[in-house]
Amino acid sequence: MLTLSIAACEEGNDGKGTGTNNNQPGKLPNEDIDGTPDDDMDKPNEGNNGGKTDDSDDGNEGNDDVDVAAAEVSLKAIDIAENSISFELTSANAEEVRWLCSIQTTTSLKGEDVMLKGTVADANTTTTIEVTELIAGATYEIYGAAKNSKGDITLASTLVVKTPNGYVGDATYSFVDNITASVDIMETNGLRNDYVSFYDNVKGHTLFIDFYSPLEGEYLPSGTYPLGDGSSMTSDQQYTYILLAGHEDFIRITEGSATVAVVSTATGAITHSITANYTMTTGDTIALQFTGTIEPRK
């Protein structure tokens, strides 16, 4: 509510001094004996904001009191494939809408993050969006955010989606679900030696893969690593093997390769996606499909 303040005039203020008349012959009217202007005189507009009245309105008052409806935004999964996800994004009361898809991490995004890094979507409607070139067997988080005309941001409930595992063939031993991975980072023969252990939390099997790459790079760089003698961008055949649950002897690998993809999430975290297919000395086969954070062993 705009409040008008009206200044009241003082009764009997006719412009003349109300004290003793100090004017003397030969002096200017309303001057004191010392020749200075009469301090008792009321002066027009003095003390009244330079002549402005209190009920002046510069047009900036009252904006904070205007009611603006909060933006609404929601997400709904439509189709989930090995390498793509389709979902619906619905919004209302929005001036700007954005969405973002990222591999799941332990850090959740805020509405401000989505508005800053996300992709623009049509506002105040339902739109079907397809995200492609995703990794099979990975868990993704889809975020949606909308901003109203006042600049307030609404964040949708996060949509968590896991893409189906890719084709792993008729492998004897499949490392796909319930897998924990860790890496020992070493230096061998002037190369980076990343020794990764993949542990099946349900079946109890452990697959060890010995990755070699240039020393100056980050651990587990992207690329395909065929079995080799421990030269750059190979998996050392001597130390790549499987240890079956309840057994004490390692079973060697005779052929196969592993492929590493490095994915940077929206929060800046690094995720590795590793697929591998191997044949063992027994003739049995191994298939690995892992996507997640591979922490250095402590």
Protein backbone atom coordinates (compact mmCIF):
# COMPACT_ATOMS: atom_id res chain seq x y z
CA MET A 1 0.00 0.00 0.00
CA LEU A 2 1.34 3.38 -1.01
CA THR A 3 1.19 5.86 1.93
CA LEU A 4 0.90 9.56 1.26
CA SER A 5 2.48 11.91 3.82
CA ILE A 6 1.00 15.43 3.81
CA ALA A 7 2.92 18.27 5.52
CA ALA A 8 0.63 20.47 7.70
CA CYS A 9 1.05 24.25 7.72
CA GLU A 10 1.76 25.97 11.07
CA GLU A 11 -1.05 28.24 12.33
CA GLY A 12 -0.20 31.98 12.30
CA ASN A 13 2.86 31.61 10.07
CA ASP A 14 2.41 34.77 7.96
CA GLY A 15 6.08 35.26 7.11
CA LYS A 16 6.79 37.71 9.93
CA GLY A 17 8.95 37.13 12.98
CA THR A 18 7.01 36.58 16.18
CA GLY A 19 9.79 37.72 18.56
CA THR A 20 10.90 41.24 19.55
CA ASN A 21 11.30 43.63 16.62
CA ASN A 22 15.01 44.44 16.39
CA ASN A 23 14.75 46.58 13.28
CA GLN A 24 16.37 50.00 13.65
CA PRO A 25 16.22 53.12 11.48
CA GLY A 26 18.63 52.82 8.55
CA LYS A 27 18.64 49.05 8.70
CA LEU A 28 17.13 46.72 6.13
CA PRO A 29 13.84 45.19 7.16
CA ASN A 30 14.12 41.93 9.09
CA GLU A 31 17.84 42.40 9.82
CA ASP A 32 19.18 42.02 13.35
CA ILE A 33 21.32 44.67 15.02
CA ASP A 34 24.46 42.82 13.93
CA GLY A 35 23.39 43.08 10.29
CA THR A 36 22.71 39.38 9.74
CA PRO A 37 19.40 38.18 8.33
CA ASP A 38 16.75 37.59 10.88
CA ASP A 39 17.29 34.01 12.15
CA ASP A 40 13.72 33.92 13.33
CA MET A 41 12.29 34.24 9.82
CA ASP A 42 10.59 31.22 8.34
CA LYS A 43 12.22 30.53 4.95
CA PRO A 44 10.21 29.10 2.05
CA ASN A 45 10.93 25.39 1.21
CA GLU A 46 13.76 25.13 3.78
CA GLY A 47 13.98 21.73 5.38
CA ASN A 48 11.55 20.24 2.85
CA ASN A 49 13.86 18.05 0.74
CA GLY A 50 14.88 20.73 -1.66
CA GLY A 51 11.35 21.71 -2.49
CA LYS A 52 9.99 18.16 -3.00
CA THR A 53 6.79 17.25 -1.26
CA ASP A 54 6.55 14.08 0.80
CA ASP A 55 3.86 12.63 -1.44
CA SER A 56 6.15 12.54 -4.51
CA ASP A 57 6.49 8.99 -6.07
CA ASP A 58 9.55 8.02 -8.10
CA GLY A 59 7.85 4.83 -9.31
CA ASN A 60 10.13 2.43 -7.40
CA GLU A 61 8.01 1.85 -4.34
CA GLY A 62 5.78 -1.14 -3.80
CA ASN A 63 7.49 -3.66 -6.18
CA ASP A 64 8.43 -6.03 -3.36
CA ASP A 65 4.80 -6.29 -2.36
CA VAL A 66 3.63 -7.60 -5.75
CA ASP A 67 2.58 -11.26 -5.58
CA VAL A 68 4.28 -13.43 -8.24
CA ALA A 69 3.32 -17.07 -8.58
CA ALA A 70 6.15 -19.55 -8.02
CA ALA A 71 7.37 -21.39 -11.08
CA GLU A 72 6.39 -25.04 -11.36
CA VAL A 73 8.52 -27.78 -12.96
CA SER A 74 8.39 -31.58 -13.01
CA LEU A 75 10.11 -34.52 -14.77
CA LYS A 76 8.81 -37.90 -15.94
CA ALA A 77 10.80 -40.74 -17.52
CA ILE A 78 9.41 -41.96 -20.87
CA ASP A 79 11.92 -44.41 -22.38
CA ILE A 80 15.25 -45.79 -21.15
CA ALA A 81 17.69 -47.51 -23.51
CA GLU A 82 21.33 -48.59 -23.25
CA ASN A 83 22.64 -45.31 -24.65
CA SER A 84 19.73 -42.88 -24.38
CA ILE A 85 17.00 -41.59 -22.08
CA SER A 86 13.74 -39.86 -23.03
CA PHE A 87 11.78 -37.83 -20.49
CA GLU A 88 9.04 -35.23 -20.22
CA LEU A 89 9.64 -31.80 -18.74
CA THR A 90 6.53 -29.86 -17.69
CA SER A 91 6.57 -26.26 -16.42
CA ALA A 92 4.16 -23.43 -15.55
CA ASN A 93 4.42 -19.80 -14.38
CA ALA A 94 7.96 -19.78 -15.78
CA GLU A 95 9.96 -17.26 -17.75
CA GLU A 96 12.99 -19.55 -18.16
CA VAL A 97 13.35 -23.35 -17.94
CA ARG A 98 16.50 -25.49 -18.10
CA TRP A 99 17.43 -29.17 -17.68
CA LEU A 100 20.63 -31.08 -17.10
CA CYS A 101 21.61 -34.77 -17.27
CA SER A 102 24.70 -36.08 -15.47
CA ILE A 103 26.09 -39.38 -14.21
CA GLN A 104 25.10 -39.80 -10.57
CA THR A 105 27.56 -38.58 -7.95
CA THR A 106 27.43 -38.02 -4.21
CA THR A 107 26.97 -34.26 -4.75
CA SER A 108 23.53 -32.92 -5.65
CA LEU A 109 23.03 -29.85 -7.81
CA LYS A 110 21.10 -26.77 -6.71
CA GLY A 111 18.59 -24.82 -8.76
CA GLU A 112 21.18 -22.13 -9.43
CA ASP A 113 23.57 -24.76 -10.84
CA VAL A 114 20.95 -26.05 -13.26
CA MET A 115 20.04 -22.56 -14.45
CA LEU A 116 23.73 -21.79 -15.02
CA LYS A 117 24.86 -25.03 -16.69
CA GLY A 118 21.66 -26.53 -18.05
CA THR A 119 20.09 -26.62 -21.52
CA VAL A 120 17.16 -24.29 -22.29
CA ALA A 121 13.72 -25.88 -22.72
CA ASP A 122 10.36 -24.44 -23.78
CA ALA A 123 8.54 -22.79 -20.89
CA ASN A 124 4.96 -23.30 -19.71
CA THR A 125 4.33 -26.49 -21.67
CA THR A 126 5.20 -30.19 -21.69
CA THR A 127 8.24 -31.05 -23.79
CA THR A 128 9.73 -34.48 -24.59
CA ILE A 129 13.52 -34.47 -24.43
CA GLU A 130 15.93 -37.23 -25.52
CA VAL A 131 19.47 -37.47 -24.19
CA THR A 132 21.78 -39.60 -26.34
CA GLU A 133 25.35 -40.95 -26.33
CA LEU A 134 25.01 -42.23 -22.78
CA ILE A 135 26.91 -45.12 -21.22
CA ALA A 136 25.17 -48.48 -20.83
CA GLY A 137 24.80 -49.71 -17.28
CA ALA A 138 25.29 -46.24 -15.75
CA THR A 139 23.06 -44.36 -13.31
CA TYR A 140 22.12 -40.84 -14.37
CA GLU A 141 20.48 -37.93 -12.58
CA ILE A 142 18.20 -35.60 -14.56
CA TYR A 143 17.54 -32.15 -13.14
CA GLY A 144 14.94 -29.56 -14.12
CA ALA A 145 14.67 -25.94 -12.92
CA ALA A 146 12.37 -23.03 -13.69
CA LYS A 147 12.58 -19.31 -12.90
CA ASN A 148 9.57 -16.99 -12.52
CA SER A 149 9.36 -13.30 -13.46
CA LYS A 150 10.65 -12.31 -10.02
CA GLY A 151 13.81 -14.40 -10.45
CA ASP A 152 12.89 -17.09 -7.93
CA ILE A 153 14.05 -20.58 -8.94
CA THR A 154 12.13 -23.82 -8.46
CA LEU A 155 14.00 -27.14 -8.66
CA ALA A 156 12.14 -30.26 -9.77
CA SER A 157 12.43 -33.55 -7.93
CA THR A 158 15.54 -35.23 -9.36
CA LEU A 159 14.88 -38.06 -11.82
CA VAL A 160 17.30 -40.96 -11.21
CA VAL A 161 17.60 -43.39 -14.12
CA LYS A 162 19.87 -46.39 -14.75
CA THR A 163 20.50 -47.35 -18.36
CA PRO A 164 20.35 -51.08 -19.14
CA ASN A 165 23.58 -53.04 -19.28
CA GLY A 166 25.05 -53.47 -22.72
CA TYR A 167 25.49 -56.81 -24.41
CA VAL A 168 27.98 -58.89 -22.45
CA GLY A 169 27.53 -62.08 -24.42
CA ASP A 170 27.28 -65.52 -22.92
CA ALA A 171 30.21 -64.95 -20.59
CA THR A 172 30.98 -67.51 -17.94
CA TYR A 173 31.66 -64.76 -15.41
CA SER A 174 29.93 -61.39 -15.75
CA PHE A 175 31.06 -58.40 -13.72
CA VAL A 176 28.11 -56.08 -14.29
CA ASP A 177 26.02 -55.40 -11.19
CA ASN A 178 27.04 -54.95 -7.54
CA ILE A 179 30.67 -54.28 -8.44
CA THR A 180 33.12 -52.30 -6.29
CA ALA A 181 36.35 -51.00 -7.86
CA SER A 182 39.57 -49.53 -6.47
CA VAL A 183 42.96 -48.73 -7.98
CA ASP A 184 46.56 -48.92 -6.82
CA ILE A 185 48.58 -46.23 -8.62
CA MET A 186 52.24 -47.08 -9.18
CA GLU A 187 55.12 -46.36 -11.53
CA THR A 188 56.71 -49.24 -13.43
CA ASN A 189 59.42 -48.99 -16.12
CA GLY A 190 58.80 -45.26 -16.54
CA LEU A 191 55.05 -45.75 -17.10
CA ARG A 192 51.96 -45.18 -15.00
CA ASN A 193 50.81 -48.53 -13.67
CA ASP A 194 47.16 -48.49 -12.57
CA TYR A 195 46.26 -51.81 -10.97
CA VAL A 196 42.45 -52.01 -10.74
CA SER A 197 40.51 -54.56 -8.68
CA PHE A 198 36.85 -55.25 -9.56
CA TYR A 199 35.07 -57.10 -6.76
CA ASP A 200 31.69 -58.82 -7.19
CA ASN A 201 29.92 -58.10 -3.90
CA VAL A 202 27.39 -60.89 -4.45
CA LYS A 203 29.38 -63.77 -5.99
CA GLY A 204 32.70 -62.95 -4.37
CA HIS A 205 34.85 -63.10 -7.55
CA THR A 206 37.60 -60.53 -8.13
CA LEU A 207 38.94 -59.42 -11.52
CA PHE A 208 42.35 -57.71 -11.62
CA ILE A 209 43.38 -55.60 -14.63
CA ASP A 210 46.83 -54.02 -14.87
CA PHE A 211 46.63 -50.81 -16.97
CA TYR A 212 49.76 -49.10 -18.33
CA SER A 213 49.73 -45.55 -19.70
CA PRO A 214 52.07 -42.52 -20.10
CA LEU A 215 53.41 -41.32 -16.75
CA GLU A 216 52.51 -37.65 -17.21
CA GLY A 217 48.80 -38.33 -17.66
CA GLU A 218 45.98 -38.83 -15.17
CA TYR A 219 45.29 -42.31 -13.89
CA LEU A 220 43.13 -44.57 -16.09
CA PRO A 221 43.11 -42.38 -19.21
CA SER A 222 40.62 -43.05 -22.02
CA GLY A 223 41.57 -45.65 -24.59
CA THR A 224 41.54 -49.34 -25.51
CA TYR A 225 44.05 -51.59 -23.73
CA PRO A 226 44.77 -54.95 -25.42
CA LEU A 227 46.63 -57.62 -23.46
CA GLY A 228 50.36 -56.98 -23.75
CA ASP A 229 53.72 -56.97 -22.06
CA GLY A 230 53.10 -53.90 -19.94
CA SER A 231 54.01 -51.34 -22.60
CA SER A 232 52.06 -48.08 -22.91
CA MET A 233 48.27 -48.42 -23.42
CA THR A 234 48.19 -52.18 -22.79
CA SER A 235 46.98 -54.41 -19.99
CA ASP A 236 49.90 -56.41 -18.64
CA GLN A 237 49.04 -60.06 -19.32
CA GLN A 238 51.21 -61.24 -16.45
CA TYR A 239 49.12 -59.43 -13.82
CA THR A 240 45.65 -59.43 -15.43
CA TYR A 241 43.69 -62.39 -14.06
CA ILE A 242 40.66 -63.55 -12.07
CA LEU A 243 40.39 -64.93 -8.56
CA LEU A 244 37.24 -66.98 -8.10
CA ALA A 245 35.43 -67.04 -4.76
CA GLY A 246 36.63 -69.84 -2.52
CA HIS A 247 39.80 -70.40 -4.58
CA GLU A 248 43.40 -69.47 -3.82
CA ASP A 249 44.92 -69.67 -7.31
CA PHE A 250 44.67 -66.92 -9.93
CA ILE A 251 43.41 -67.93 -13.37
CA ARG A 252 45.33 -66.26 -16.20
CA ILE A 253 43.90 -64.48 -19.21
CA THR A 254 44.92 -65.54 -22.72
CA GLU A 255 43.26 -62.93 -24.92
CA GLY A 256 40.95 -59.92 -24.87
CA SER A 257 41.01 -56.17 -24.19
CA ALA A 258 39.55 -53.45 -22.00
CA THR A 259 38.22 -50.03 -22.99
CA VAL A 260 38.24 -47.02 -20.67
CA ALA A 261 36.06 -43.91 -21.03
CA VAL A 262 36.49 -40.92 -18.72
CA VAL A 263 33.32 -38.93 -18.02
CA SER A 264 33.26 -35.54 -16.29
CA THR A 265 30.01 -34.95 -14.39
CA ALA A 266 28.13 -31.67 -13.95
CA THR A 267 29.62 -31.31 -10.47
CA GLY A 268 33.16 -31.72 -11.81
CA ALA A 269 33.62 -35.25 -10.45
CA ILE A 270 35.42 -37.79 -12.63
CA THR A 271 33.71 -41.10 -13.44
CA HIS A 272 35.26 -44.03 -15.28
CA SER A 273 33.36 -46.39 -17.54
CA ILE A 274 35.26 -49.62 -18.24
CA THR A 275 34.21 -52.52 -20.44
CA ALA A 276 36.28 -55.66 -20.98
CA ASN A 277 35.99 -59.09 -22.56
CA TYR A 278 38.58 -61.78 -21.81
CA THR A 279 39.17 -65.48 -22.40
CA MET A 280 40.75 -67.47 -19.59
CA THR A 281 43.28 -70.32 -19.84
CA THR A 282 40.41 -72.68 -18.92
CA GLY A 283 38.46 -71.58 -22.00
CA ASP A 284 35.89 -69.77 -19.83
CA THR A 285 35.09 -66.14 -20.61
CA ILE A 286 34.81 -62.91 -18.61
CA ALA A 287 32.67 -59.84 -19.35
CA LEU A 288 33.04 -56.60 -17.40
CA GLN A 289 30.89 -53.49 -17.56
CA PHE A 290 31.54 -50.96 -14.81
CA THR A 291 30.67 -47.28 -14.52
CA GLY A 292 31.43 -45.32 -11.39
CA THR A 293 34.08 -43.66 -9.28
CA ILE A 294 37.28 -45.65 -8.95
CA GLU A 295 39.05 -44.33 -5.88
CA PRO A 296 42.78 -44.92 -5.26
CA ARG A 297 43.29 -47.56 -2.61
CA LYS A 298 44.29 -46.10 0.77
